[in-house]
N, C-alpha and C. Protein backbone atom coordinates (compact mmCIF):
# COMPACT_ATOMS: atom_id res chain seq x y z
N MET A 1 5.38 10.56 -52.35
CA MET A 1 6.05 9.54 -51.62
C MET A 1 7.11 8.90 -52.50
N THR A 2 8.18 8.49 -51.86
CA THR A 2 9.28 7.92 -52.60
C THR A 2 9.14 6.42 -52.67
N ASP A 3 9.40 5.87 -53.80
CA ASP A 3 9.37 4.42 -53.96
C ASP A 3 10.62 3.85 -53.31
N MET A 4 10.50 2.70 -52.59
CA MET A 4 11.63 2.11 -51.88
C MET A 4 12.77 1.74 -52.83
N THR A 5 12.44 1.44 -54.01
CA THR A 5 13.50 1.04 -54.94
C THR A 5 14.34 2.22 -55.38
N THR A 6 13.83 3.42 -55.23
CA THR A 6 14.60 4.60 -55.63
C THR A 6 15.27 5.28 -54.46
N HIS A 7 15.04 4.81 -53.24
CA HIS A 7 15.65 5.39 -52.05
C HIS A 7 17.14 5.09 -52.06
N PRO A 8 18.00 6.08 -51.70
CA PRO A 8 19.44 5.87 -51.81
C PRO A 8 19.98 4.79 -50.86
N ASN A 9 19.37 4.57 -49.69
CA ASN A 9 19.86 3.57 -48.74
C ASN A 9 19.19 2.21 -48.91
N HIS A 10 18.37 2.09 -49.88
CA HIS A 10 17.63 0.85 -50.08
C HIS A 10 18.55 -0.27 -50.56
N GLN A 11 18.39 -1.42 -49.86
CA GLN A 11 19.12 -2.62 -50.28
C GLN A 11 18.10 -3.64 -50.72
N PRO A 12 18.39 -4.37 -51.72
CA PRO A 12 17.42 -5.38 -52.16
C PRO A 12 17.32 -6.49 -51.12
N PRO A 13 16.18 -7.13 -51.00
CA PRO A 13 16.01 -8.22 -50.04
C PRO A 13 16.90 -9.41 -50.41
N PRO A 14 17.26 -10.24 -49.42
CA PRO A 14 18.05 -11.42 -49.73
C PRO A 14 17.28 -12.36 -50.66
N ASP A 15 18.03 -13.30 -51.25
CA ASP A 15 17.41 -14.21 -52.21
C ASP A 15 16.36 -15.11 -51.57
N ASP A 16 16.56 -15.48 -50.26
CA ASP A 16 15.61 -16.39 -49.63
C ASP A 16 14.45 -15.65 -48.95
N TRP A 17 14.34 -14.36 -49.19
CA TRP A 17 13.28 -13.56 -48.60
C TRP A 17 11.93 -13.92 -49.21
N GLN A 18 10.93 -13.99 -48.31
CA GLN A 18 9.57 -14.25 -48.77
C GLN A 18 8.64 -13.29 -48.03
N PRO A 19 7.58 -12.91 -48.61
CA PRO A 19 6.66 -11.99 -47.93
C PRO A 19 6.07 -12.66 -46.69
N ALA A 20 5.77 -11.82 -45.68
CA ALA A 20 5.18 -12.33 -44.44
C ALA A 20 3.79 -12.86 -44.70
N GLY A 21 3.46 -13.95 -43.97
CA GLY A 21 2.13 -14.53 -44.10
C GLY A 21 1.09 -13.63 -43.46
N GLY A 22 -0.14 -13.96 -43.66
CA GLY A 22 -1.25 -13.16 -43.13
C GLY A 22 -1.18 -13.03 -41.62
N GLY A 23 -1.12 -11.82 -41.13
CA GLY A 23 -1.15 -11.54 -39.68
C GLY A 23 0.21 -11.67 -38.99
N GLU A 24 1.26 -11.99 -39.70
CA GLU A 24 2.57 -12.17 -39.09
C GLU A 24 3.09 -10.85 -38.51
N VAL A 25 2.93 -9.77 -39.22
CA VAL A 25 3.40 -8.46 -38.75
C VAL A 25 2.63 -8.07 -37.49
N VAL A 26 1.34 -8.34 -37.46
CA VAL A 26 0.51 -8.02 -36.28
C VAL A 26 0.99 -8.84 -35.09
N ARG A 27 1.28 -10.13 -35.27
CA ARG A 27 1.78 -10.98 -34.18
C ARG A 27 3.12 -10.46 -33.65
N LEU A 28 4.02 -10.10 -34.55
CA LEU A 28 5.33 -9.58 -34.13
C LEU A 28 5.18 -8.26 -33.37
N THR A 29 4.30 -7.41 -33.82
CA THR A 29 4.06 -6.14 -33.14
C THR A 29 3.51 -6.37 -31.74
N ARG A 30 2.54 -7.27 -31.61
CA ARG A 30 1.99 -7.58 -30.28
C ARG A 30 3.05 -8.17 -29.37
N ARG A 31 3.88 -9.02 -29.92
CA ARG A 31 4.95 -9.65 -29.14
C ARG A 31 5.93 -8.60 -28.62
N MET A 32 6.29 -7.65 -29.47
CA MET A 32 7.20 -6.58 -29.05
C MET A 32 6.56 -5.69 -27.99
N LYS A 33 5.27 -5.38 -28.16
CA LYS A 33 4.57 -4.58 -27.17
C LYS A 33 4.47 -5.31 -25.83
N GLY A 34 4.24 -6.62 -25.89
CA GLY A 34 4.18 -7.43 -24.67
C GLY A 34 5.50 -7.41 -23.94
N ARG A 35 6.59 -7.54 -24.67
CA ARG A 35 7.92 -7.50 -24.05
C ARG A 35 8.18 -6.15 -23.42
N LYS A 36 7.79 -5.09 -24.11
CA LYS A 36 7.97 -3.75 -23.58
C LYS A 36 7.16 -3.57 -22.30
N SER A 37 5.92 -4.05 -22.30
CA SER A 37 5.06 -3.94 -21.11
C SER A 37 5.67 -4.70 -19.94
N ARG A 38 6.16 -5.92 -20.19
CA ARG A 38 6.78 -6.71 -19.11
C ARG A 38 8.02 -6.02 -18.57
N ARG A 39 8.83 -5.46 -19.46
CA ARG A 39 10.04 -4.77 -19.06
C ARG A 39 9.69 -3.55 -18.18
N GLN A 40 8.67 -2.79 -18.59
CA GLN A 40 8.24 -1.64 -17.80
C GLN A 40 7.69 -2.08 -16.44
N PHE A 41 6.92 -3.16 -16.45
CA PHE A 41 6.36 -3.67 -15.20
C PHE A 41 7.47 -4.11 -14.24
N LEU A 42 8.45 -4.84 -14.77
CA LEU A 42 9.55 -5.31 -13.92
C LEU A 42 10.39 -4.16 -13.41
N THR A 43 10.59 -3.15 -14.24
CA THR A 43 11.35 -1.98 -13.80
C THR A 43 10.61 -1.26 -12.68
N ALA A 44 9.32 -1.02 -12.87
CA ALA A 44 8.53 -0.35 -11.84
C ALA A 44 8.42 -1.23 -10.60
N GLY A 45 8.19 -2.51 -10.80
CA GLY A 45 8.08 -3.44 -9.67
C GLY A 45 9.37 -3.49 -8.87
N GLY A 46 10.50 -3.47 -9.55
CA GLY A 46 11.78 -3.48 -8.84
C GLY A 46 11.95 -2.25 -7.98
N GLY A 47 11.51 -1.10 -8.50
CA GLY A 47 11.57 0.13 -7.71
C GLY A 47 10.67 0.08 -6.50
N ILE A 48 9.48 -0.47 -6.70
CA ILE A 48 8.52 -0.58 -5.58
C ILE A 48 9.05 -1.53 -4.53
N VAL A 49 9.55 -2.68 -4.96
CA VAL A 49 10.10 -3.66 -4.00
C VAL A 49 11.29 -3.07 -3.26
N GLY A 50 12.15 -2.37 -3.98
CA GLY A 50 13.30 -1.73 -3.33
C GLY A 50 12.86 -0.71 -2.29
N GLY A 51 11.85 0.08 -2.63
CA GLY A 51 11.33 1.05 -1.68
C GLY A 51 10.72 0.39 -0.46
N LEU A 52 9.96 -0.70 -0.67
CA LEU A 52 9.38 -1.42 0.46
C LEU A 52 10.44 -2.03 1.36
N LEU A 53 11.49 -2.56 0.75
CA LEU A 53 12.59 -3.12 1.56
C LEU A 53 13.28 -2.03 2.37
N ALA A 54 13.45 -0.86 1.78
CA ALA A 54 14.07 0.25 2.50
C ALA A 54 13.20 0.68 3.68
N VAL A 55 11.89 0.78 3.46
CA VAL A 55 10.98 1.15 4.53
C VAL A 55 10.98 0.10 5.63
N ALA A 56 10.91 -1.17 5.24
CA ALA A 56 10.92 -2.25 6.24
C ALA A 56 12.22 -2.26 7.02
N GLY A 57 13.33 -2.07 6.34
CA GLY A 57 14.63 -2.02 7.04
C GLY A 57 14.68 -0.88 8.03
N GLY A 58 14.18 0.29 7.63
CA GLY A 58 14.13 1.43 8.55
C GLY A 58 13.23 1.18 9.73
N TRP A 59 12.10 0.52 9.48
CA TRP A 59 11.17 0.23 10.57
C TRP A 59 11.82 -0.72 11.57
N PHE A 60 12.46 -1.77 11.06
CA PHE A 60 13.11 -2.72 11.97
C PHE A 60 14.25 -2.07 12.73
N ALA A 61 15.03 -1.22 12.07
CA ALA A 61 16.13 -0.54 12.74
C ALA A 61 15.60 0.39 13.83
N GLY A 62 14.55 1.12 13.51
CA GLY A 62 13.96 2.02 14.50
C GLY A 62 13.33 1.27 15.65
N ARG A 63 12.72 0.16 15.34
CA ARG A 63 12.07 -0.64 16.38
C ARG A 63 13.09 -1.22 17.35
N SER A 64 14.21 -1.72 16.82
CA SER A 64 15.22 -2.29 17.71
C SER A 64 15.94 -1.20 18.49
N ALA A 65 16.03 0.01 17.94
CA ALA A 65 16.69 1.10 18.66
C ALA A 65 15.84 1.59 19.81
N THR A 66 14.52 1.50 19.70
CA THR A 66 13.65 1.98 20.77
C THR A 66 13.31 0.89 21.79
N ARG A 67 13.66 -0.33 21.50
CA ARG A 67 13.37 -1.42 22.43
C ARG A 67 14.27 -1.27 23.65
N SER A 68 13.68 -1.38 24.83
CA SER A 68 14.46 -1.20 26.05
C SER A 68 15.38 -2.40 26.29
N ARG A 69 16.47 -2.10 26.91
CA ARG A 69 17.47 -3.11 27.18
C ARG A 69 17.11 -3.88 28.44
N GLU A 70 17.48 -5.13 28.50
CA GLU A 70 17.22 -5.98 29.67
C GLU A 70 18.44 -5.89 30.59
N TYR A 71 18.25 -5.29 31.77
CA TYR A 71 19.34 -5.14 32.73
C TYR A 71 19.26 -6.23 33.80
N ASP A 72 20.37 -6.43 34.47
CA ASP A 72 20.44 -7.38 35.57
C ASP A 72 20.99 -6.66 36.80
N PHE A 73 20.07 -6.25 37.68
CA PHE A 73 20.45 -5.62 38.94
C PHE A 73 19.80 -6.40 40.06
N GLY A 74 20.47 -6.48 41.17
CA GLY A 74 19.92 -7.17 42.33
C GLY A 74 19.79 -8.67 42.14
N GLY A 75 20.49 -9.20 41.15
CA GLY A 75 20.46 -10.63 40.91
C GLY A 75 19.27 -11.09 40.06
N ILE A 76 18.46 -10.15 39.55
CA ILE A 76 17.34 -10.51 38.69
C ILE A 76 17.30 -9.56 37.49
N THR A 77 16.68 -10.02 36.40
CA THR A 77 16.57 -9.21 35.19
C THR A 77 15.30 -8.37 35.24
N CYS A 78 15.19 -7.45 34.28
CA CYS A 78 14.02 -6.56 34.22
C CYS A 78 12.71 -7.35 34.12
N SER A 79 12.69 -8.37 33.25
CA SER A 79 11.44 -9.11 33.07
C SER A 79 11.03 -9.84 34.34
N VAL A 80 11.99 -10.39 35.08
CA VAL A 80 11.68 -11.08 36.33
C VAL A 80 11.20 -10.07 37.37
N ALA A 81 11.89 -8.92 37.46
CA ALA A 81 11.50 -7.90 38.43
C ALA A 81 10.09 -7.39 38.16
N MET A 82 9.75 -7.16 36.89
CA MET A 82 8.42 -6.65 36.58
C MET A 82 7.34 -7.71 36.81
N ALA A 83 7.67 -8.97 36.57
CA ALA A 83 6.70 -10.04 36.85
C ALA A 83 6.43 -10.13 38.34
N ARG A 84 7.48 -10.03 39.14
CA ARG A 84 7.29 -10.07 40.60
C ARG A 84 6.57 -8.82 41.09
N ALA A 85 6.86 -7.69 40.46
CA ALA A 85 6.19 -6.45 40.86
C ALA A 85 4.70 -6.54 40.56
N ASP A 86 4.35 -7.11 39.42
CA ASP A 86 2.93 -7.31 39.10
C ASP A 86 2.26 -8.19 40.14
N ALA A 87 2.96 -9.24 40.55
CA ALA A 87 2.40 -10.13 41.57
C ALA A 87 2.22 -9.38 42.88
N MET A 88 3.19 -8.54 43.21
CA MET A 88 3.10 -7.78 44.47
C MET A 88 1.96 -6.78 44.43
N THR A 89 1.76 -6.11 43.30
CA THR A 89 0.67 -5.13 43.22
C THR A 89 -0.69 -5.81 43.21
N ASN A 90 -0.73 -7.08 42.82
CA ASN A 90 -1.99 -7.84 42.86
C ASN A 90 -2.24 -8.49 44.21
N GLY A 91 -1.41 -8.15 45.20
CA GLY A 91 -1.65 -8.63 46.55
C GLY A 91 -0.92 -9.90 46.93
N GLN A 92 -0.12 -10.44 46.05
CA GLN A 92 0.61 -11.66 46.37
C GLN A 92 1.79 -11.31 47.27
N LYS A 93 1.99 -12.09 48.32
CA LYS A 93 3.09 -11.87 49.26
C LYS A 93 4.32 -12.63 48.75
N LEU A 94 5.44 -11.94 48.65
CA LEU A 94 6.69 -12.56 48.21
C LEU A 94 7.60 -12.77 49.41
N PRO A 95 8.45 -13.78 49.33
CA PRO A 95 9.43 -13.96 50.41
C PRO A 95 10.33 -12.73 50.52
N ASP A 96 10.88 -12.51 51.70
CA ASP A 96 11.70 -11.32 51.95
C ASP A 96 12.89 -11.23 50.99
N ALA A 97 13.51 -12.36 50.67
CA ALA A 97 14.67 -12.35 49.78
C ALA A 97 14.27 -11.84 48.38
N GLU A 98 13.11 -12.28 47.89
CA GLU A 98 12.64 -11.83 46.57
C GLU A 98 12.24 -10.36 46.61
N MET A 99 11.61 -9.92 47.69
CA MET A 99 11.25 -8.51 47.85
C MET A 99 12.50 -7.64 47.81
N THR A 100 13.54 -8.08 48.47
CA THR A 100 14.80 -7.33 48.50
C THR A 100 15.39 -7.26 47.09
N GLN A 101 15.35 -8.37 46.37
CA GLN A 101 15.88 -8.38 44.99
C GLN A 101 15.11 -7.41 44.10
N VAL A 102 13.78 -7.45 44.20
CA VAL A 102 12.95 -6.57 43.37
C VAL A 102 13.25 -5.11 43.71
N ASN A 103 13.27 -4.78 44.99
CA ASN A 103 13.52 -3.40 45.41
C ASN A 103 14.90 -2.92 44.97
N GLU A 104 15.89 -3.77 45.13
CA GLU A 104 17.25 -3.40 44.72
C GLU A 104 17.32 -3.20 43.21
N HIS A 105 16.69 -4.10 42.47
CA HIS A 105 16.68 -3.97 41.00
C HIS A 105 16.02 -2.66 40.58
N VAL A 106 14.86 -2.38 41.16
CA VAL A 106 14.11 -1.19 40.76
C VAL A 106 14.86 0.09 41.12
N MET A 107 15.53 0.10 42.24
CA MET A 107 16.28 1.30 42.65
C MET A 107 17.44 1.59 41.70
N LEU A 108 18.03 0.56 41.11
CA LEU A 108 19.22 0.73 40.27
C LEU A 108 18.92 0.76 38.77
N CYS A 109 17.82 0.21 38.35
CA CYS A 109 17.54 0.01 36.93
C CYS A 109 16.93 1.25 36.27
N PRO A 110 17.54 1.75 35.18
CA PRO A 110 16.98 2.92 34.50
C PRO A 110 15.68 2.62 33.74
N ASN A 111 15.43 1.35 33.42
CA ASN A 111 14.18 0.99 32.74
C ASN A 111 13.04 0.78 33.71
N CYS A 112 13.31 0.06 34.77
CA CYS A 112 12.23 -0.37 35.67
C CYS A 112 11.78 0.69 36.66
N LYS A 113 12.69 1.57 37.06
CA LYS A 113 12.31 2.57 38.07
C LYS A 113 11.15 3.43 37.59
N PRO A 114 11.20 4.03 36.38
CA PRO A 114 10.04 4.83 35.94
C PRO A 114 8.77 3.99 35.74
N ARG A 115 8.94 2.77 35.25
CA ARG A 115 7.78 1.90 35.05
C ARG A 115 7.15 1.55 36.40
N PHE A 116 8.00 1.30 37.37
CA PHE A 116 7.53 0.96 38.71
C PHE A 116 6.80 2.13 39.35
N GLU A 117 7.33 3.34 39.14
CA GLU A 117 6.70 4.53 39.70
C GLU A 117 5.33 4.77 39.06
N LYS A 118 5.21 4.47 37.77
CA LYS A 118 3.91 4.61 37.09
C LYS A 118 2.90 3.61 37.64
N MET A 119 3.39 2.42 38.01
CA MET A 119 2.48 1.40 38.55
C MET A 119 1.90 1.88 39.87
N GLY A 120 2.72 2.56 40.67
CA GLY A 120 2.25 3.13 41.92
C GLY A 120 1.74 2.11 42.92
N GLY A 121 1.88 0.85 42.66
CA GLY A 121 1.33 -0.17 43.54
C GLY A 121 2.25 -0.56 44.67
N MET A 122 3.47 -0.06 44.67
CA MET A 122 4.40 -0.48 45.71
C MET A 122 5.26 0.70 46.11
N ASN A 123 5.41 0.89 47.35
CA ASN A 123 6.25 1.96 47.85
C ASN A 123 7.66 1.42 48.05
N ILE A 124 8.58 2.01 47.33
CA ILE A 124 9.97 1.57 47.45
C ILE A 124 10.63 2.47 48.48
N SER A 125 11.15 1.87 49.48
CA SER A 125 11.79 2.69 50.51
C SER A 125 13.17 2.15 50.81
N ALA A 126 13.96 3.00 51.41
CA ALA A 126 15.33 2.61 51.75
C ALA A 126 15.34 1.54 52.83
N ARG A 127 14.25 1.42 53.58
CA ARG A 127 14.19 0.41 54.63
C ARG A 127 14.24 -1.00 54.08
N THR A 128 13.75 -1.20 52.86
CA THR A 128 13.71 -2.55 52.31
C THR A 128 15.03 -2.95 51.66
N LEU A 129 15.90 -1.97 51.45
CA LEU A 129 17.20 -2.28 50.85
C LEU A 129 18.19 -2.67 51.93
N PRO A 130 19.16 -3.48 51.58
CA PRO A 130 20.18 -3.82 52.57
C PRO A 130 20.93 -2.57 53.00
N ALA A 131 21.20 -2.50 54.26
CA ALA A 131 21.89 -1.33 54.80
C ALA A 131 23.34 -1.32 54.36
N CYS A 132 23.83 -0.12 54.07
CA CYS A 132 25.25 0.03 53.74
C CYS A 132 25.97 0.40 55.02
N ARG A 133 27.05 -0.26 55.24
CA ARG A 133 27.80 0.02 56.45
C ARG A 133 28.92 0.99 56.15
N ARG A 134 29.08 1.93 57.04
CA ARG A 134 30.15 2.90 56.91
C ARG A 134 31.34 2.39 57.69
N LEU A 135 32.46 2.37 57.03
CA LEU A 135 33.66 1.92 57.72
C LEU A 135 34.23 3.09 58.53
N ASP A 136 34.41 2.85 59.79
CA ASP A 136 35.02 3.89 60.62
C ASP A 136 36.51 3.88 60.37
N VAL A 137 37.00 5.02 60.03
CA VAL A 137 38.42 5.15 59.76
C VAL A 137 39.10 5.53 61.04
N ALA A 138 40.16 4.83 61.39
CA ALA A 138 40.84 5.08 62.65
C ALA A 138 41.78 6.25 62.57
């Protein structure tokens, strides 16, 4: 082994240099290891958090893309039409004007028509819709 004093790159210690006290090197080593562990934890944690945010963002984007749109046909929205349809299938009698609105909405709405057909509780017929008049051309 080479003595430090004979090593070519060896520089003498500064004048105010003093030997480390008992356990000082061990404390410094532990401190450096602790910093390294925290740095590794934060790096890994940042990756995990970033991945979770990406997954959550994708989930929310997919969820909003699959959510059905609220249409307004027949003077009522999808939620109103479906609420009235539920009442009708449960035996509640609606006024003729509301029945006409529900039927017109369901006939025109791309969301409600299939849902209404699955319910099967109400027969939608052309008789309940307002009649269209044909203009006689002279």
